[in-house]
């Protein structure tokens, strides 16, 4: 497996710094971090994930602050007014449900991602690494988990290579941005703060 080299760390640092003012740099940073995870997923012969399957889009979604900034910029720049209105309405509806829930509490209920429109991710090019790295080798177990999130009698089998690449990319972010292993933020609350202050 790949190791992280200094050039990669420097590139993430430079893109993150430029991305504070420049949408294109922010987008490039998201793509740089997501592409290795996507490559692993496309090479996998094990995963059952497919377009239109959205069982995992009801799970707690976590994102780093810079990912939330990228999502917000993408929302403002790339989505049309109808998509923005649907997302804003979904965030207003779901924020009161999740705002006071702890991590474990939110994992025991299903809250549909506000960026899911017609069973498609509206922010796919800049989705969080936690989304890109989540996968399943058995869609029937995803459905079962989605139908009853309190049933913890089984796990969702995942492709370990994709999981490794997600962890590698997250480690790269930690090294480059010196986040001191800062916790990720819940996406609905993070976007609510950006849209409504």
C-alpha atoms as a PDB file:
ATOM      1  CA  UNK A   1       0.000   0.000   0.000  1.00  0.00           C
ATOM      2  CA  UNK A   2       0.969   3.588  -0.646  1.00  0.00           C
ATOM      3  CA  UNK A   3       2.764   5.742   1.884  1.00  0.00           C
ATOM      4  CA  UNK A   4       2.254   9.480   2.249  1.00  0.00           C
ATOM      5  CA  UNK A   5       5.153  11.553   0.967  1.00  0.00           C
ATOM      6  CA  UNK A   6       6.160  15.130   1.715  1.00  0.00           C
ATOM      7  CA  UNK A   7       5.169  16.379  -1.767  1.00  0.00           C
ATOM      8  CA  UNK A   8       1.606  15.209  -1.215  1.00  0.00           C
ATOM      9  CA  UNK A   9       1.425  16.903   2.172  1.00  0.00           C
ATOM     10  CA  UNK A  10       2.790  20.138   0.674  1.00  0.00           C
ATOM     11  CA  UNK A  11       0.276  19.990  -2.190  1.00  0.00           C
ATOM     12  CA  UNK A  12      -2.657  19.582   0.227  1.00  0.00           C
ATOM     13  CA  UNK A  13      -1.313  22.505   2.312  1.00  0.00           C
ATOM     14  CA  UNK A  14      -0.991  24.735  -0.749  1.00  0.00           C
ATOM     15  CA  UNK A  15      -4.451  23.868  -2.089  1.00  0.00           C
ATOM     16  CA  UNK A  16      -6.031  24.341   1.333  1.00  0.00           C
ATOM     17  CA  UNK A  17      -4.426  27.758   1.705  1.00  0.00           C
ATOM     18  CA  UNK A  18      -5.404  28.832  -1.818  1.00  0.00           C
ATOM     19  CA  UNK A  19      -8.871  27.353  -1.290  1.00  0.00           C
ATOM     20  CA  UNK A  20      -9.640  29.853   1.438  1.00  0.00           C
ATOM     21  CA  UNK A  21     -10.094  32.442  -1.313  1.00  0.00           C
ATOM     22  CA  UNK A  22     -10.299  30.416  -4.525  1.00  0.00           C
ATOM     23  CA  UNK A  23     -13.145  28.069  -5.395  1.00  0.00           C
ATOM     24  CA  UNK A  24     -11.117  26.228  -8.058  1.00  0.00           C
ATOM     25  CA  UNK A  25      -8.357  25.383  -5.550  1.00  0.00           C
ATOM     26  CA  UNK A  26     -10.957  24.205  -3.044  1.00  0.00           C
ATOM     27  CA  UNK A  27     -12.569  21.995  -5.706  1.00  0.00           C
ATOM     28  CA  UNK A  28      -9.156  20.669  -6.773  1.00  0.00           C
ATOM     29  CA  UNK A  29      -8.348  19.770  -3.158  1.00  0.00           C
ATOM     30  CA  UNK A  30     -11.606  17.820  -2.828  1.00  0.00           C
ATOM     31  CA  UNK A  31     -10.948  15.987  -6.072  1.00  0.00           C
ATOM     32  CA  UNK A  32      -7.327  15.214  -5.093  1.00  0.00           C
ATOM     33  CA  UNK A  33      -8.485  13.637  -1.833  1.00  0.00           C
ATOM     34  CA  UNK A  34     -11.463  11.777  -3.283  1.00  0.00           C
ATOM     35  CA  UNK A  35      -9.950  10.321  -6.463  1.00  0.00           C
ATOM     36  CA  UNK A  36      -7.788   7.624  -4.796  1.00  0.00           C
ATOM     37  CA  UNK A  37     -10.823   6.423  -2.828  1.00  0.00           C
ATOM     38  CA  UNK A  38     -12.954   6.441  -5.984  1.00  0.00           C
ATOM     39  CA  UNK A  39     -10.231   4.536  -7.870  1.00  0.00           C
ATOM     40  CA  UNK A  40     -10.231   1.806  -5.206  1.00  0.00           C
ATOM     41  CA  UNK A  41     -14.021   1.613  -5.376  1.00  0.00           C
ATOM     42  CA  UNK A  42     -14.060   1.350  -9.171  1.00  0.00           C
ATOM     43  CA  UNK A  43     -11.412  -1.413  -9.052  1.00  0.00           C
ATOM     44  CA  UNK A  44     -13.300  -3.393  -6.404  1.00  0.00           C
ATOM     45  CA  UNK A  45     -14.956  -6.623  -7.470  1.00  0.00           C
ATOM     46  CA  UNK A  46     -16.631  -6.941  -4.069  1.00  0.00           C
ATOM     47  CA  UNK A  47     -18.809  -3.893  -3.509  1.00  0.00           C
ATOM     48  CA  UNK A  48     -22.547  -3.996  -4.078  1.00  0.00           C
ATOM     49  CA  UNK A  49     -22.944  -0.195  -4.180  1.00  0.00           C
ATOM     50  CA  UNK A  50     -24.547   1.188  -7.337  1.00  0.00           C
ATOM     51  CA  UNK A  51     -26.077   4.372  -8.683  1.00  0.00           C
ATOM     52  CA  UNK A  52     -29.476   5.051  -7.131  1.00  0.00           C
ATOM     53  CA  UNK A  53     -28.831   2.958  -4.016  1.00  0.00           C
ATOM     54  CA  UNK A  54     -29.119   5.328  -1.074  1.00  0.00           C
ATOM     55  CA  UNK A  55     -29.424   3.220   2.093  1.00  0.00           C
ATOM     56  CA  UNK A  56     -26.187   4.650   3.504  1.00  0.00           C
ATOM     57  CA  UNK A  57     -27.369   8.203   2.797  1.00  0.00           C
ATOM     58  CA  UNK A  58     -29.532   7.957   5.912  1.00  0.00           C
ATOM     59  CA  UNK A  59     -26.597   7.371   8.249  1.00  0.00           C
ATOM     60  CA  UNK A  60     -24.807  10.024  10.300  1.00  0.00           C
ATOM     61  CA  UNK A  61     -22.516  11.846   7.871  1.00  0.00           C
ATOM     62  CA  UNK A  62     -19.369  13.476   9.143  1.00  0.00           C
ATOM     63  CA  UNK A  63     -17.139  16.001   7.427  1.00  0.00           C
ATOM     64  CA  UNK A  64     -14.085  18.097   8.207  1.00  0.00           C
ATOM     65  CA  UNK A  65     -14.600  21.859   8.323  1.00  0.00           C
ATOM     66  CA  UNK A  66     -12.718  22.318   5.030  1.00  0.00           C
ATOM     67  CA  UNK A  67     -15.041  19.723   3.430  1.00  0.00           C
ATOM     68  CA  UNK A  68     -18.076  21.637   4.703  1.00  0.00           C
ATOM     69  CA  UNK A  69     -16.580  24.817   3.215  1.00  0.00           C
ATOM     70  CA  UNK A  70     -16.115  23.034  -0.134  1.00  0.00           C
ATOM     71  CA  UNK A  71     -19.673  21.697  -0.035  1.00  0.00           C
ATOM     72  CA  UNK A  72     -21.010  25.164   0.764  1.00  0.00           C
ATOM     73  CA  UNK A  73     -19.047  26.729  -2.100  1.00  0.00           C
ATOM     74  CA  UNK A  74     -20.202  23.979  -4.490  1.00  0.00           C
ATOM     75  CA  UNK A  75     -23.806  24.482  -3.326  1.00  0.00           C
ATOM     76  CA  UNK A  76     -23.590  28.218  -4.068  1.00  0.00           C
ATOM     77  CA  UNK A  77     -21.720  27.938  -7.357  1.00  0.00           C
ATOM     78  CA  UNK A  78     -22.796  24.697  -9.019  1.00  0.00           C
ATOM     79  CA  UNK A  79     -26.358  23.948  -7.939  1.00  0.00           C
ATOM     80  CA  UNK A  80     -29.363  25.641  -9.478  1.00  0.00           C
ATOM     81  CA  UNK A  81     -31.902  27.583  -7.428  1.00  0.00           C
ATOM     82  CA  UNK A  82     -34.365  24.681  -7.339  1.00  0.00           C
ATOM     83  CA  UNK A  83     -31.713  22.303  -5.978  1.00  0.00           C
ATOM     84  CA  UNK A  84     -30.575  24.919  -3.459  1.00  0.00           C
ATOM     85  CA  UNK A  85     -34.161  25.414  -2.279  1.00  0.00           C
ATOM     86  CA  UNK A  86     -34.682  21.650  -1.804  1.00  0.00           C
ATOM     87  CA  UNK A  87     -31.457  21.329   0.158  1.00  0.00           C
ATOM     88  CA  UNK A  88     -32.167  24.379   2.301  1.00  0.00           C
ATOM     89  CA  UNK A  89     -35.666  23.067   3.074  1.00  0.00           C
ATOM     90  CA  UNK A  90     -34.243  19.638   3.978  1.00  0.00           C
ATOM     91  CA  UNK A  91     -31.636  21.193   6.292  1.00  0.00           C
ATOM     92  CA  UNK A  92     -34.301  23.313   8.028  1.00  0.00           C
ATOM     93  CA  UNK A  93     -36.458  20.194   8.472  1.00  0.00           C
ATOM     94  CA  UNK A  94     -33.691  17.862   9.708  1.00  0.00           C
ATOM     95  CA  UNK A  95     -31.557  20.203  11.806  1.00  0.00           C
ATOM     96  CA  UNK A  96     -33.947  20.169  14.806  1.00  0.00           C
ATOM     97  CA  UNK A  97     -33.817  16.362  14.757  1.00  0.00           C
ATOM     98  CA  UNK A  98     -30.005  16.081  14.912  1.00  0.00           C
ATOM     99  CA  UNK A  99     -28.829  19.256  16.642  1.00  0.00           C
ATOM    100  CA  UNK A 100     -28.856  17.859  20.171  1.00  0.00           C
ATOM    101  CA  UNK A 101     -28.140  14.217  19.368  1.00  0.00           C
ATOM    102  CA  UNK A 102     -24.871  12.603  20.293  1.00  0.00           C
ATOM    103  CA  UNK A 103     -22.976  10.447  17.832  1.00  0.00           C
ATOM    104  CA  UNK A 104     -24.427   7.164  19.096  1.00  0.00           C
ATOM    105  CA  UNK A 105     -27.957   8.544  19.363  1.00  0.00           C
ATOM    106  CA  UNK A 106     -27.883   9.703  15.750  1.00  0.00           C
ATOM    107  CA  UNK A 107     -26.612   6.307  14.629  1.00  0.00           C
ATOM    108  CA  UNK A 108     -29.767   4.691  16.010  1.00  0.00           C
ATOM    109  CA  UNK A 109     -32.153   6.704  13.815  1.00  0.00           C
ATOM    110  CA  UNK A 110     -32.343   7.321  10.098  1.00  0.00           C
ATOM    111  CA  UNK A 111     -31.980  10.919   8.969  1.00  0.00           C
ATOM    112  CA  UNK A 112     -31.877  11.333   5.211  1.00  0.00           C
ATOM    113  CA  UNK A 113     -28.951  13.379   3.916  1.00  0.00           C
ATOM    114  CA  UNK A 114     -30.210  16.812   2.826  1.00  0.00           C
ATOM    115  CA  UNK A 115     -28.058  16.615  -0.302  1.00  0.00           C
ATOM    116  CA  UNK A 116     -29.845  13.511  -1.580  1.00  0.00           C
ATOM    117  CA  UNK A 117     -32.158  14.563  -4.413  1.00  0.00           C
ATOM    118  CA  UNK A 118     -34.077  11.883  -6.322  1.00  0.00           C
ATOM    119  CA  UNK A 119     -31.824   9.176  -4.821  1.00  0.00           C
ATOM    120  CA  UNK A 120     -28.729  10.943  -6.204  1.00  0.00           C
ATOM    121  CA  UNK A 121     -26.013  12.843  -4.366  1.00  0.00           C
ATOM    122  CA  UNK A 122     -26.258  16.469  -5.496  1.00  0.00           C
ATOM    123  CA  UNK A 123     -22.744  17.260  -4.199  1.00  0.00           C
ATOM    124  CA  UNK A 124     -21.040  14.065  -5.404  1.00  0.00           C
ATOM    125  CA  UNK A 125     -17.812  15.704  -6.713  1.00  0.00           C
ATOM    126  CA  UNK A 126     -17.158  17.285  -3.278  1.00  0.00           C
ATOM    127  CA  UNK A 127     -18.862  14.812  -0.946  1.00  0.00           C
ATOM    128  CA  UNK A 128     -17.009  14.095   2.299  1.00  0.00           C
ATOM    129  CA  UNK A 129     -14.349  11.402   2.389  1.00  0.00           C
ATOM    130  CA  UNK A 130     -16.500   9.587   4.947  1.00  0.00           C
ATOM    131  CA  UNK A 131     -19.155   9.155   2.227  1.00  0.00           C
ATOM    132  CA  UNK A 132     -16.718   8.243  -0.537  1.00  0.00           C
ATOM    133  CA  UNK A 133     -15.041   5.631   1.642  1.00  0.00           C
ATOM    134  CA  UNK A 134     -18.226   3.985   2.867  1.00  0.00           C
ATOM    135  CA  UNK A 135     -19.094   0.863   0.908  1.00  0.00           C
ATOM    136  CA  UNK A 136     -20.939  -2.412   1.235  1.00  0.00           C
ATOM    137  CA  UNK A 137     -20.390  -5.895  -0.098  1.00  0.00           C
ATOM    138  CA  UNK A 138     -24.001  -6.885   0.650  1.00  0.00           C
ATOM    139  CA  UNK A 139     -26.848  -4.544  -0.271  1.00  0.00           C
ATOM    140  CA  UNK A 140     -29.416  -6.730   1.526  1.00  0.00           C
ATOM    141  CA  UNK A 141     -27.674  -5.942   4.824  1.00  0.00           C
ATOM    142  CA  UNK A 142     -27.711  -2.227   3.967  1.00  0.00           C
ATOM    143  CA  UNK A 143     -31.459  -2.426   3.425  1.00  0.00           C
ATOM    144  CA  UNK A 144     -31.878  -4.352   6.682  1.00  0.00           C
ATOM    145  CA  UNK A 145     -29.816  -1.767   8.572  1.00  0.00           C
ATOM    146  CA  UNK A 146     -31.771   1.078   6.980  1.00  0.00           C
ATOM    147  CA  UNK A 147     -35.100  -0.581   7.820  1.00  0.00           C
ATOM    148  CA  UNK A 148     -34.097  -1.045  11.481  1.00  0.00           C
ATOM    149  CA  UNK A 149     -31.128   1.102  12.542  1.00  0.00           C
ATOM    150  CA  UNK A 150     -31.382  -0.236  16.107  1.00  0.00           C
ATOM    151  CA  UNK A 151     -30.567  -3.779  14.950  1.00  0.00           C
ATOM    152  CA  UNK A 152     -26.847  -4.078  15.683  1.00  0.00           C
ATOM    153  CA  UNK A 153     -26.759  -7.870  15.461  1.00  0.00           C
ATOM    154  CA  UNK A 154     -24.744  -7.730  12.241  1.00  0.00           C
ATOM    155  CA  UNK A 155     -22.206  -5.561  10.472  1.00  0.00           C
ATOM    156  CA  UNK A 156     -21.989  -4.291   6.929  1.00  0.00           C
ATOM    157  CA  UNK A 157     -19.134  -6.108   5.153  1.00  0.00           C
ATOM    158  CA  UNK A 158     -16.866  -3.621   3.379  1.00  0.00           C
ATOM    159  CA  UNK A 159     -13.961  -3.790   0.958  1.00  0.00           C
ATOM    160  CA  UNK A 160     -10.879  -3.310   3.147  1.00  0.00           C
ATOM    161  CA  UNK A 161      -8.864  -1.675   0.355  1.00  0.00           C
ATOM    162  CA  UNK A 162     -11.401   1.144   0.073  1.00  0.00           C
ATOM    163  CA  UNK A 163     -11.435   1.528   3.856  1.00  0.00           C
ATOM    164  CA  UNK A 164      -7.644   1.658   3.904  1.00  0.00           C
ATOM    165  CA  UNK A 165      -7.579   4.355   1.217  1.00  0.00           C
ATOM    166  CA  UNK A 166     -10.160   6.434   3.106  1.00  0.00           C
ATOM    167  CA  UNK A 167      -8.043   6.222   6.271  1.00  0.00           C
ATOM    168  CA  UNK A 168      -4.896   7.066   4.280  1.00  0.00           C
ATOM    169  CA  UNK A 169      -6.507  10.176   2.818  1.00  0.00           C
ATOM    170  CA  UNK A 170      -7.789  11.239   6.232  1.00  0.00           C
ATOM    171  CA  UNK A 171      -4.285  10.783   7.656  1.00  0.00           C
ATOM    172  CA  UNK A 172      -2.942  12.947   4.815  1.00  0.00           C
ATOM    173  CA  UNK A 173      -5.429  15.672   5.763  1.00  0.00           C
ATOM    174  CA  UNK A 174      -4.433  15.436   9.423  1.00  0.00           C
ATOM    175  CA  UNK A 175      -0.729  15.726   8.544  1.00  0.00           C
ATOM    176  CA  UNK A 176      -1.145  18.535   6.037  1.00  0.00           C
ATOM    177  CA  UNK A 177      -3.653  20.692   7.845  1.00  0.00           C
ATOM    178  CA  UNK A 178      -2.380  19.962  11.347  1.00  0.00           C
ATOM    179  CA  UNK A 179      -5.879  19.407  12.649  1.00  0.00           C
ATOM    180  CA  UNK A 180      -4.540  17.653  15.750  1.00  0.00           C
ATOM    181  CA  UNK A 181      -6.999  14.884  15.018  1.00  0.00           C
ATOM    182  CA  UNK A 182      -9.904  17.270  15.348  1.00  0.00           C
ATOM    183  CA  UNK A 183     -13.235  15.501  15.243  1.00  0.00           C
ATOM    184  CA  UNK A 184     -15.255  15.678  12.100  1.00  0.00           C
ATOM    185  CA  UNK A 185     -18.537  17.593  12.220  1.00  0.00           C
ATOM    186  CA  UNK A 186     -22.033  16.275  11.578  1.00  0.00           C
ATOM    187  CA  UNK A 187     -22.968  17.519   8.099  1.00  0.00           C
ATOM    188  CA  UNK A 188     -26.515  18.784   8.708  1.00  0.00           C
ATOM    189  CA  UNK A 189     -25.470  20.928  11.691  1.00  0.00           C
ATOM    190  CA  UNK A 190     -22.345  22.129   9.856  1.00  0.00           C
ATOM    191  CA  UNK A 191     -24.316  23.229   6.809  1.00  0.00           C
ATOM    192  CA  UNK A 192     -27.065  24.783   8.945  1.00  0.00           C
ATOM    193  CA  UNK A 193     -24.392  26.990  10.540  1.00  0.00           C
ATOM    194  CA  UNK A 194     -23.116  28.057   7.109  1.00  0.00           C
ATOM    195  CA  UNK A 195     -26.529  28.778   5.636  1.00  0.00           C
ATOM    196  CA  UNK A 196     -28.268  30.346   8.615  1.00  0.00           C
ATOM    197  CA  UNK A 197     -25.453  31.601  10.826  1.00  0.00           C
END
